[in-house]
Protein backbone atom coordinates (compact mmCIF):
# COMPACT_ATOMS: atom_id res chain seq x y z
CA UNK A 1 0.00 0.00 0.00
CA UNK A 2 1.44 3.33 -1.07
CA UNK A 3 -0.03 6.16 0.97
CA UNK A 4 0.08 9.78 -0.15
CA UNK A 5 1.64 11.84 2.65
CA UNK A 6 2.99 15.31 3.27
CA UNK A 7 5.96 15.82 5.55
CA UNK A 8 7.81 18.70 7.09
CA UNK A 9 10.86 19.47 9.20
CA UNK A 10 10.66 22.34 11.65
CA UNK A 11 13.85 23.83 12.99
CA UNK A 12 13.83 26.09 16.03
CA UNK A 13 15.12 29.48 14.86
CA UNK A 14 16.84 29.96 18.24
CA UNK A 15 18.48 26.52 18.08
CA UNK A 16 17.25 25.66 21.59
CA UNK A 17 14.94 22.79 20.63
CA UNK A 18 15.60 19.68 18.54
CA UNK A 19 14.20 19.52 15.01
CA UNK A 20 10.63 18.29 14.73
CA UNK A 21 9.82 15.87 11.91
CA UNK A 22 6.15 15.40 11.14
CA UNK A 23 3.91 13.91 8.48
CA UNK A 24 0.24 13.52 7.65
CA UNK A 25 -1.51 10.99 5.44
CA UNK A 26 -3.79 12.58 2.85
CA UNK A 27 -7.39 11.37 2.99
CA UNK A 28 -10.48 11.44 0.82
CA UNK A 29 -14.11 10.44 1.04
CA UNK A 30 -14.37 6.93 2.48
CA UNK A 31 -14.66 3.76 0.45
CA UNK A 32 -18.18 2.29 0.95
CA UNK A 33 -17.08 -0.46 3.35
CA UNK A 34 -15.11 2.08 5.40
CA UNK A 35 -18.15 4.35 5.65
CA UNK A 36 -20.27 1.35 6.66
CA UNK A 37 -17.85 0.75 9.55
CA UNK A 38 -18.49 4.32 10.74
CA UNK A 39 -15.47 6.19 9.38
CA UNK A 40 -15.74 9.39 7.38
CA UNK A 41 -12.31 9.37 5.64
CA UNK A 42 -10.04 6.88 3.84
CA UNK A 43 -6.32 7.29 3.17
CA UNK A 44 -5.39 7.89 -0.46
CA UNK A 45 -3.69 4.76 -1.78
CA UNK A 46 -1.69 5.86 -4.83
CA UNK A 47 -0.72 3.57 -7.70
CA UNK A 48 2.91 2.43 -7.98
CA UNK A 49 3.30 4.10 -11.38
CA UNK A 50 2.73 7.49 -9.70
CA UNK A 51 5.35 7.16 -6.94
CA UNK A 52 8.15 8.99 -8.78
CA UNK A 53 5.83 11.86 -9.72
CA UNK A 54 4.56 12.08 -6.12
CA UNK A 55 8.07 12.09 -4.63
CA UNK A 56 9.41 14.57 -7.20
CA UNK A 57 6.57 17.03 -7.74
CA UNK A 58 6.79 19.85 -10.21
CA UNK A 59 4.69 22.97 -10.24
CA UNK A 60 1.82 21.36 -12.16
CA UNK A 61 -0.90 21.09 -9.51
CA UNK A 62 -3.31 19.51 -12.02
CA UNK A 63 -0.85 16.65 -12.52
CA UNK A 64 -0.66 16.11 -8.76
CA UNK A 65 -4.46 16.13 -8.48
CA UNK A 66 -4.59 13.57 -11.30
CA UNK A 67 -2.60 11.19 -9.05
CA UNK A 68 -5.40 11.44 -6.48
CA UNK A 69 -8.04 10.95 -9.16
CA UNK A 70 -6.29 7.73 -10.26
CA UNK A 71 -5.99 6.25 -6.76
CA UNK A 72 -6.35 2.56 -5.97
CA UNK A 73 -9.63 1.35 -4.49
CA UNK A 74 -8.80 -1.67 -2.34
CA UNK A 75 -11.45 -3.42 -0.33
CA UNK A 76 -10.93 -2.87 3.41
CA UNK A 77 -12.08 -5.53 5.85
CA UNK A 78 -12.52 -5.12 9.58
CA UNK A 79 -13.47 -7.15 12.60
CA UNK A 80 -15.08 -5.91 15.75
CA UNK A 81 -12.93 -6.23 18.84
CA UNK A 82 -14.11 -8.74 21.41
PDB file of N, CA and C in Angstrom:
ATOM      1  N   UNK A   1       0.849  -1.166   0.000  1.00  0.00           N
ATOM      2  CA  UNK A   1       0.000   0.000   0.000  1.00  0.00           C
ATOM      3  C   UNK A   1       0.897   1.231   0.000  1.00  0.00           C
ATOM      4  N   UNK A   2       0.685   2.098  -0.956  1.00  0.00           N
ATOM      5  CA  UNK A   2       1.441   3.334  -1.071  1.00  0.00           C
ATOM      6  C   UNK A   2       0.529   4.493  -0.684  1.00  0.00           C
ATOM      7  N   UNK A   3       0.836   5.135   0.416  1.00  0.00           N
ATOM      8  CA  UNK A   3      -0.034   6.156   0.975  1.00  0.00           C
ATOM      9  C   UNK A   3       0.519   7.545   0.676  1.00  0.00           C
ATOM     10  N   UNK A   4      -0.315   8.400   0.120  1.00  0.00           N
ATOM     11  CA  UNK A   4       0.079   9.782  -0.155  1.00  0.00           C
ATOM     12  C   UNK A   4       0.206  10.532   1.173  1.00  0.00           C
ATOM     13  N   UNK A   5       1.387  11.096   1.415  1.00  0.00           N
ATOM     14  CA  UNK A   5       1.639  11.836   2.654  1.00  0.00           C
ATOM     15  C   UNK A   5       2.338  13.151   2.346  1.00  0.00           C
ATOM     16  N   UNK A   6       2.215  14.065   3.268  1.00  0.00           N
ATOM     17  CA  UNK A   6       2.985  15.307   3.268  1.00  0.00           C
ATOM     18  C   UNK A   6       3.879  15.267   4.501  1.00  0.00           C
ATOM     19  N   UNK A   7       5.083  15.802   4.390  1.00  0.00           N
ATOM     20  CA  UNK A   7       5.959  15.820   5.548  1.00  0.00           C
ATOM     21  C   UNK A   7       6.637  17.174   5.660  1.00  0.00           C
ATOM     22  N   UNK A   8       7.144  17.427   6.854  1.00  0.00           N
ATOM     23  CA  UNK A   8       7.806  18.704   7.094  1.00  0.00           C
ATOM     24  C   UNK A   8       8.862  18.535   8.178  1.00  0.00           C
ATOM     25  N   UNK A   9       9.855  19.398   8.137  1.00  0.00           N
ATOM     26  CA  UNK A   9      10.858  19.467   9.200  1.00  0.00           C
ATOM     27  C   UNK A   9      10.851  20.892   9.728  1.00  0.00           C
ATOM     28  N   UNK A  10      10.627  21.027  11.006  1.00  0.00           N
ATOM     29  CA  UNK A  10      10.655  22.338  11.651  1.00  0.00           C
ATOM     30  C   UNK A  10      11.951  22.442  12.436  1.00  0.00           C
ATOM     31  N   UNK A  11      12.623  23.562  12.252  1.00  0.00           N
ATOM     32  CA  UNK A  11      13.850  23.828  12.991  1.00  0.00           C
ATOM     33  C   UNK A  11      13.637  25.074  13.834  1.00  0.00           C
ATOM     34  N   UNK A  12      13.957  24.960  15.107  1.00  0.00           N
ATOM     35  CA  UNK A  12      13.833  26.091  16.035  1.00  0.00           C
ATOM     36  C   UNK A  12      14.792  27.195  15.606  1.00  0.00           C
ATOM     37  N   UNK A  13      14.255  28.388  15.301  1.00  0.00           N
ATOM     38  CA  UNK A  13      15.124  29.479  14.861  1.00  0.00           C
ATOM     39  C   UNK A  13      16.171  29.874  15.906  1.00  0.00           C
ATOM     40  N   UNK A  14      15.888  29.621  17.181  1.00  0.00           N
ATOM     41  CA  UNK A  14      16.844  29.960  18.241  1.00  0.00           C
ATOM     42  C   UNK A  14      17.845  28.831  18.487  1.00  0.00           C
ATOM     43  N   UNK A  15      17.583  27.653  17.904  1.00  0.00           N
ATOM     44  CA  UNK A  15      18.482  26.518  18.084  1.00  0.00           C
ATOM     45  C   UNK A  15      18.416  25.881  19.456  1.00  0.00           C
ATOM     46  N   UNK A  16      17.373  26.181  20.223  1.00  0.00           N
ATOM     47  CA  UNK A  16      17.254  25.658  21.587  1.00  0.00           C
ATOM     48  C   UNK A  16      16.531  24.319  21.640  1.00  0.00           C
ATOM     49  N   UNK A  17      15.723  24.024  20.643  1.00  0.00           N
ATOM     50  CA  UNK A  17      14.940  22.790  20.627  1.00  0.00           C
ATOM     51  C   UNK A  17      15.391  21.898  19.481  1.00  0.00           C
ATOM     52  N   UNK A  18      15.225  20.575  19.637  1.00  0.00           N
ATOM     53  CA  UNK A  18      15.597  19.684  18.538  1.00  0.00           C
ATOM     54  C   UNK A  18      14.620  19.846  17.364  1.00  0.00           C
ATOM     55  N   UNK A  19      15.080  19.472  16.185  1.00  0.00           N
ATOM     56  CA  UNK A  19      14.204  19.516  15.008  1.00  0.00           C
ATOM     57  C   UNK A  19      12.976  18.650  15.235  1.00  0.00           C
ATOM     58  N   UNK A  20      11.879  19.045  14.641  1.00  0.00           N
ATOM     59  CA  UNK A  20      10.634  18.289  14.726  1.00  0.00           C
ATOM     60  C   UNK A  20      10.285  17.798  13.328  1.00  0.00           C
ATOM     61  N   UNK A  21      10.235  16.482  13.168  1.00  0.00           N
ATOM     62  CA  UNK A  21       9.820  15.875  11.911  1.00  0.00           C
ATOM     63  C   UNK A  21       8.367  15.448  12.057  1.00  0.00           C
ATOM     64  N   UNK A  22       7.552  15.768  11.066  1.00  0.00           N
ATOM     65  CA  UNK A  22       6.148  15.395  11.140  1.00  0.00           C
ATOM     66  C   UNK A  22       5.636  15.011   9.754  1.00  0.00           C
ATOM     67  N   UNK A  23       4.537  14.253   9.744  1.00  0.00           N
ATOM     68  CA  UNK A  23       3.905  13.906   8.484  1.00  0.00           C
ATOM     69  C   UNK A  23       2.418  13.699   8.704  1.00  0.00           C
ATOM     70  N   UNK A  24       1.685  13.765   7.612  1.00  0.00           N
ATOM     71  CA  UNK A  24       0.242  13.521   7.655  1.00  0.00           C
ATOM     72  C   UNK A  24      -0.154  12.761   6.397  1.00  0.00           C
ATOM     73  N   UNK A  25      -0.959  11.727   6.581  1.00  0.00           N
ATOM     74  CA  UNK A  25      -1.509  10.988   5.445  1.00  0.00           C
ATOM     75  C   UNK A  25      -2.647  11.807   4.851  1.00  0.00           C
ATOM     76  N   UNK A  26      -2.725  11.843   3.537  1.00  0.00           N
ATOM     77  CA  UNK A  26      -3.789  12.579   2.851  1.00  0.00           C
ATOM     78  C   UNK A  26      -4.996  11.657   2.717  1.00  0.00           C
ATOM     79  N   UNK A  27      -6.165  12.183   3.018  1.00  0.00           N
ATOM     80  CA  UNK A  27      -7.385  11.373   2.994  1.00  0.00           C
ATOM     81  C   UNK A  27      -8.397  11.921   2.000  1.00  0.00           C
ATOM     82  N   UNK A  28      -9.409  11.098   1.751  1.00  0.00           N
ATOM     83  CA  UNK A  28     -10.478  11.445   0.816  1.00  0.00           C
ATOM     84  C   UNK A  28     -11.781  10.872   1.379  1.00  0.00           C
ATOM     85  N   UNK A  29     -12.831  11.038   0.637  1.00  0.00           N
ATOM     86  CA  UNK A  29     -14.108  10.441   1.039  1.00  0.00           C
ATOM     87  C   UNK A  29     -13.907   8.940   1.238  1.00  0.00           C
ATOM     88  N   UNK A  30     -14.621   8.333   2.181  1.00  0.00           N
ATOM     89  CA  UNK A  30     -14.369   6.926   2.481  1.00  0.00           C
ATOM     90  C   UNK A  30     -14.864   5.972   1.390  1.00  0.00           C
ATOM     91  N   UNK A  31     -14.160   4.855   1.283  1.00  0.00           N
ATOM     92  CA  UNK A  31     -14.661   3.761   0.454  1.00  0.00           C
ATOM     93  C   UNK A  31     -15.953   3.276   1.121  1.00  0.00           C
ATOM     94  N   UNK A  32     -16.882   2.673   0.371  1.00  0.00           N
ATOM     95  CA  UNK A  32     -18.183   2.286   0.945  1.00  0.00           C
ATOM     96  C   UNK A  32     -18.087   1.418   2.195  1.00  0.00           C
ATOM     97  N   UNK A  33     -17.187   0.426   2.187  1.00  0.00           N
ATOM     98  CA  UNK A  33     -17.080  -0.459   3.349  1.00  0.00           C
ATOM     99  C   UNK A  33     -16.476   0.254   4.552  1.00  0.00           C
ATOM    100  N   UNK A  34     -15.676   1.284   4.309  1.00  0.00           N
ATOM    101  CA  UNK A  34     -15.107   2.084   5.400  1.00  0.00           C
ATOM    102  C   UNK A  34     -16.199   2.959   6.010  1.00  0.00           C
ATOM    103  N   UNK A  35     -17.024   3.547   5.163  1.00  0.00           N
ATOM    104  CA  UNK A  35     -18.154   4.351   5.649  1.00  0.00           C
ATOM    105  C   UNK A  35     -19.125   3.481   6.437  1.00  0.00           C
ATOM    106  N   UNK A  36     -19.352   2.251   5.961  1.00  0.00           N
ATOM    107  CA  UNK A  36     -20.273   1.347   6.657  1.00  0.00           C
ATOM    108  C   UNK A  36     -19.760   0.979   8.047  1.00  0.00           C
ATOM    109  N   UNK A  37     -18.434   1.032   8.239  1.00  0.00           N
ATOM    110  CA  UNK A  37     -17.849   0.747   9.548  1.00  0.00           C
ATOM    111  C   UNK A  37     -17.849   1.982  10.444  1.00  0.00           C
ATOM    112  N   UNK A  38     -18.345   3.120   9.923  1.00  0.00           N
ATOM    113  CA  UNK A  38     -18.488   4.317  10.744  1.00  0.00           C
ATOM    114  C   UNK A  38     -17.392   5.354  10.587  1.00  0.00           C
ATOM    115  N   UNK A  39     -16.542   5.215   9.591  1.00  0.00           N
ATOM    116  CA  UNK A  39     -15.466   6.191   9.383  1.00  0.00           C
ATOM    117  C   UNK A  39     -15.836   7.153   8.266  1.00  0.00           C
ATOM    118  N   UNK A  40     -15.369   8.391   8.382  1.00  0.00           N
ATOM    119  CA  UNK A  40     -15.740   9.390   7.383  1.00  0.00           C
ATOM    120  C   UNK A  40     -14.603   9.755   6.429  1.00  0.00           C
ATOM    121  N   UNK A  41     -13.442   9.102   6.535  1.00  0.00           N
ATOM    122  CA  UNK A  41     -12.314   9.369   5.645  1.00  0.00           C
ATOM    123  C   UNK A  41     -11.586   8.058   5.347  1.00  0.00           C
ATOM    124  N   UNK A  42     -10.895   8.008   4.209  1.00  0.00           N
ATOM    125  CA  UNK A  42     -10.036   6.883   3.842  1.00  0.00           C
ATOM    126  C   UNK A  42      -8.724   7.465   3.332  1.00  0.00           C
ATOM    127  N   UNK A  43      -7.602   6.839   3.690  1.00  0.00           N
ATOM    128  CA  UNK A  43      -6.317   7.292   3.171  1.00  0.00           C
ATOM    129  C   UNK A  43      -6.284   7.128   1.657  1.00  0.00           C
ATOM    130  N   UNK A  44      -5.531   7.993   0.994  1.00  0.00           N
ATOM    131  CA  UNK A  44      -5.386   7.894  -0.461  1.00  0.00           C
ATOM    132  C   UNK A  44      -4.255   6.918  -0.749  1.00  0.00           C
ATOM    133  N   UNK A  45      -4.606   5.842  -1.436  1.00  0.00           N
ATOM    134  CA  UNK A  45      -3.689   4.762  -1.782  1.00  0.00           C
ATOM    135  C   UNK A  45      -3.291   4.968  -3.241  1.00  0.00           C
ATOM    136  N   UNK A  46      -2.081   5.525  -3.463  1.00  0.00           N
ATOM    137  CA  UNK A  46      -1.687   5.856  -4.832  1.00  0.00           C
ATOM    138  C   UNK A  46      -1.147   4.620  -5.557  1.00  0.00           C
ATOM    139  N   UNK A  47      -1.221   4.664  -6.865  1.00  0.00           N
ATOM    140  CA  UNK A  47      -0.724   3.566  -7.700  1.00  0.00           C
ATOM    141  C   UNK A  47       0.797   3.651  -7.800  1.00  0.00           C
ATOM    142  N   UNK A  48       1.440   2.489  -7.940  1.00  0.00           N
ATOM    143  CA  UNK A  48       2.906   2.429  -7.979  1.00  0.00           C
ATOM    144  C   UNK A  48       3.490   3.242  -9.136  1.00  0.00           C
ATOM    145  N   UNK A  49       2.771   3.338 -10.244  1.00  0.00           N
ATOM    146  CA  UNK A  49       3.297   4.098 -11.379  1.00  0.00           C
ATOM    147  C   UNK A  49       3.348   5.605 -11.113  1.00  0.00           C
ATOM    148  N   UNK A  50       2.724   6.061 -10.036  1.00  0.00           N
ATOM    149  CA  UNK A  50       2.733   7.489  -9.700  1.00  0.00           C
ATOM    150  C   UNK A  50       3.734   7.860  -8.603  1.00  0.00           C
ATOM    151  N   UNK A  51       4.457   6.891  -8.081  1.00  0.00           N
ATOM    152  CA  UNK A  51       5.350   7.158  -6.942  1.00  0.00           C
ATOM    153  C   UNK A  51       6.416   8.194  -7.292  1.00  0.00           C
ATOM    154  N   UNK A  52       7.095   8.034  -8.415  1.00  0.00           N
ATOM    155  CA  UNK A  52       8.146   8.988  -8.779  1.00  0.00           C
ATOM    156  C   UNK A  52       7.598  10.408  -8.928  1.00  0.00           C
ATOM    157  N   UNK A  53       6.436  10.534  -9.561  1.00  0.00           N
ATOM    158  CA  UNK A  53       5.828  11.865  -9.722  1.00  0.00           C
ATOM    159  C   UNK A  53       5.438  12.450  -8.366  1.00  0.00           C
ATOM    160  N   UNK A  54       4.951  11.600  -7.446  1.00  0.00           N
ATOM    161  CA  UNK A  54       4.560  12.080  -6.125  1.00  0.00           C
ATOM    162  C   UNK A  54       5.782  12.533  -5.324  1.00  0.00           C
ATOM    163  N   UNK A  55       6.870  11.770  -5.402  1.00  0.00           N
ATOM    164  CA  UNK A  55       8.066  12.089  -4.632  1.00  0.00           C
ATOM    165  C   UNK A  55       8.897  13.215  -5.237  1.00  0.00           C
ATOM    166  N   UNK A  56       8.671  13.505  -6.502  1.00  0.00           N
ATOM    167  CA  UNK A  56       9.407  14.568  -7.196  1.00  0.00           C
ATOM    168  C   UNK A  56       8.429  15.505  -7.896  1.00  0.00           C
ATOM    169  N   UNK A  57       7.604  16.203  -7.126  1.00  0.00           N
ATOM    170  CA  UNK A  57       6.568  17.028  -7.739  1.00  0.00           C
ATOM    171  C   UNK A  57       7.145  18.239  -8.472  1.00  0.00           C
ATOM    172  N   UNK A  58       6.452  18.609  -9.512  1.00  0.00           N
ATOM    173  CA  UNK A  58       6.787  19.849 -10.206  1.00  0.00           C
ATOM    174  C   UNK A  58       5.825  20.924  -9.747  1.00  0.00           C
ATOM    175  N   UNK A  59       5.603  21.886 -10.576  1.00  0.00           N
ATOM    176  CA  UNK A  59       4.686  22.974 -10.237  1.00  0.00           C
ATOM    177  C   UNK A  59       3.309  22.785 -10.853  1.00  0.00           C
ATOM    178  N   UNK A  60       3.083  21.643 -11.501  1.00  0.00           N
ATOM    179  CA  UNK A  60       1.817  21.359 -12.164  1.00  0.00           C
ATOM    180  C   UNK A  60       0.838  20.737 -11.165  1.00  0.00           C
ATOM    181  N   UNK A  61       0.038  21.580 -10.522  1.00  0.00           N
ATOM    182  CA  UNK A  61      -0.904  21.089  -9.513  1.00  0.00           C
ATOM    183  C   UNK A  61      -1.956  20.169 -10.112  1.00  0.00           C
ATOM    184  N   UNK A  62      -2.323  20.392 -11.366  1.00  0.00           N
ATOM    185  CA  UNK A  62      -3.308  19.515 -12.017  1.00  0.00           C
ATOM    186  C   UNK A  62      -2.753  18.100 -12.149  1.00  0.00           C
ATOM    187  N   UNK A  63      -1.470  17.981 -12.422  1.00  0.00           N
ATOM    188  CA  UNK A  63      -0.848  16.652 -12.522  1.00  0.00           C
ATOM    189  C   UNK A  63      -0.852  15.953 -11.161  1.00  0.00           C
ATOM    190  N   UNK A  64      -0.627  16.703 -10.099  1.00  0.00           N
ATOM    191  CA  UNK A  64      -0.657  16.113  -8.755  1.00  0.00           C
ATOM    192  C   UNK A  64      -2.075  15.683  -8.392  1.00  0.00           C
ATOM    193  N   UNK A  65      -3.067  16.495  -8.739  1.00  0.00           N
ATOM    194  CA  UNK A  65      -4.461  16.132  -8.477  1.00  0.00           C
ATOM    195  C   UNK A  65      -4.839  14.889  -9.265  1.00  0.00           C
ATOM    196  N   UNK A  66      -4.289  14.742 -10.468  1.00  0.00           N
ATOM    197  CA  UNK A  66      -4.585  13.565 -11.296  1.00  0.00           C
ATOM    198  C   UNK A  66      -4.118  12.284 -10.605  1.00  0.00           C
ATOM    199  N   UNK A  67      -3.049  12.358  -9.805  1.00  0.00           N
ATOM    200  CA  UNK A  67      -2.600  11.189  -9.046  1.00  0.00           C
ATOM    201  C   UNK A  67      -3.691  10.771  -8.063  1.00  0.00           C
ATOM    202  N   UNK A  68      -4.306  11.750  -7.403  1.00  0.00           N
ATOM    203  CA  UNK A  68      -5.400  11.442  -6.477  1.00  0.00           C
ATOM    204  C   UNK A  68      -6.604  10.867  -7.216  1.00  0.00           C
ATOM    205  N   UNK A  69      -6.888  11.413  -8.383  1.00  0.00           N
ATOM    206  CA  UNK A  69      -8.045  10.947  -9.155  1.00  0.00           C
ATOM    207  C   UNK A  69      -7.862   9.513  -9.660  1.00  0.00           C
ATOM    208  N   UNK A  70      -6.601   9.075  -9.769  1.00  0.00           N
ATOM    209  CA  UNK A  70      -6.292   7.726 -10.264  1.00  0.00           C
ATOM    210  C   UNK A  70      -5.881   6.797  -9.124  1.00  0.00           C
ATOM    211  N   UNK A  71      -6.379   7.048  -7.926  1.00  0.00           N
ATOM    212  CA  UNK A  71      -5.994   6.253  -6.755  1.00  0.00           C
ATOM    213  C   UNK A  71      -6.511   4.824  -6.846  1.00  0.00           C
ATOM    214  N   UNK A  72      -5.897   3.948  -6.067  1.00  0.00           N
ATOM    215  CA  UNK A  72      -6.350   2.562  -5.968  1.00  0.00           C
ATOM    216  C   UNK A  72      -7.576   2.513  -5.058  1.00  0.00           C
ATOM    217  N   UNK A  73      -8.423   1.537  -5.298  1.00  0.00           N
ATOM    218  CA  UNK A  73      -9.626   1.347  -4.493  1.00  0.00           C
ATOM    219  C   UNK A  73      -9.646  -0.070  -3.919  1.00  0.00           C
ATOM    220  N   UNK A  74      -8.786  -0.335  -2.931  1.00  0.00           N
ATOM    221  CA  UNK A  74      -8.796  -1.673  -2.344  1.00  0.00           C
ATOM    222  C   UNK A  74     -10.054  -1.876  -1.511  1.00  0.00           C
ATOM    223  N   UNK A  75     -10.329  -3.118  -1.222  1.00  0.00           N
ATOM    224  CA  UNK A  75     -11.454  -3.421  -0.325  1.00  0.00           C
ATOM    225  C   UNK A  75     -10.870  -3.569   1.076  1.00  0.00           C
ATOM    226  N   UNK A  76     -11.406  -2.824   2.030  1.00  0.00           N
ATOM    227  CA  UNK A  76     -10.934  -2.866   3.412  1.00  0.00           C
ATOM    228  C   UNK A  76     -11.870  -3.736   4.241  1.00  0.00           C
ATOM    229  N   UNK A  77     -11.291  -4.694   4.953  1.00  0.00           N
ATOM    230  CA  UNK A  77     -12.082  -5.527   5.852  1.00  0.00           C
ATOM    231  C   UNK A  77     -11.788  -5.128   7.291  1.00  0.00           C
ATOM    232  N   UNK A  78     -12.748  -5.381   8.159  1.00  0.00           N
ATOM    233  CA  UNK A  78     -12.518  -5.117   9.577  1.00  0.00           C
ATOM    234  C   UNK A  78     -13.248  -6.157  10.404  1.00  0.00           C
ATOM    235  N   UNK A  79     -12.801  -6.273  11.632  1.00  0.00           N
ATOM    236  CA  UNK A  79     -13.469  -7.147  12.598  1.00  0.00           C
ATOM    237  C   UNK A  79     -13.704  -6.335  13.854  1.00  0.00           C
ATOM    238  N   UNK A  80     -14.811  -6.592  14.484  1.00  0.00           N
ATOM    239  CA  UNK A  80     -15.080  -5.907  15.751  1.00  0.00           C
ATOM    240  C   UNK A  80     -14.257  -6.558  16.847  1.00  0.00           C
ATOM    241  N   UNK A  81     -13.716  -5.725  17.724  1.00  0.00           N
ATOM    242  CA  UNK A  81     -12.928  -6.231  18.844  1.00  0.00           C
ATOM    243  C   UNK A  81     -13.842  -6.954  19.815  1.00  0.00           C
ATOM    244  N   UNK A  82     -13.319  -7.949  20.444  1.00  0.00           N
ATOM    245  CA  UNK A  82     -14.109  -8.744  21.408  1.00  0.00           C
ATOM    246  C   UNK A  82     -14.395  -7.973  22.655  1.00  0.00           C
TER     247      UNK A  82
END
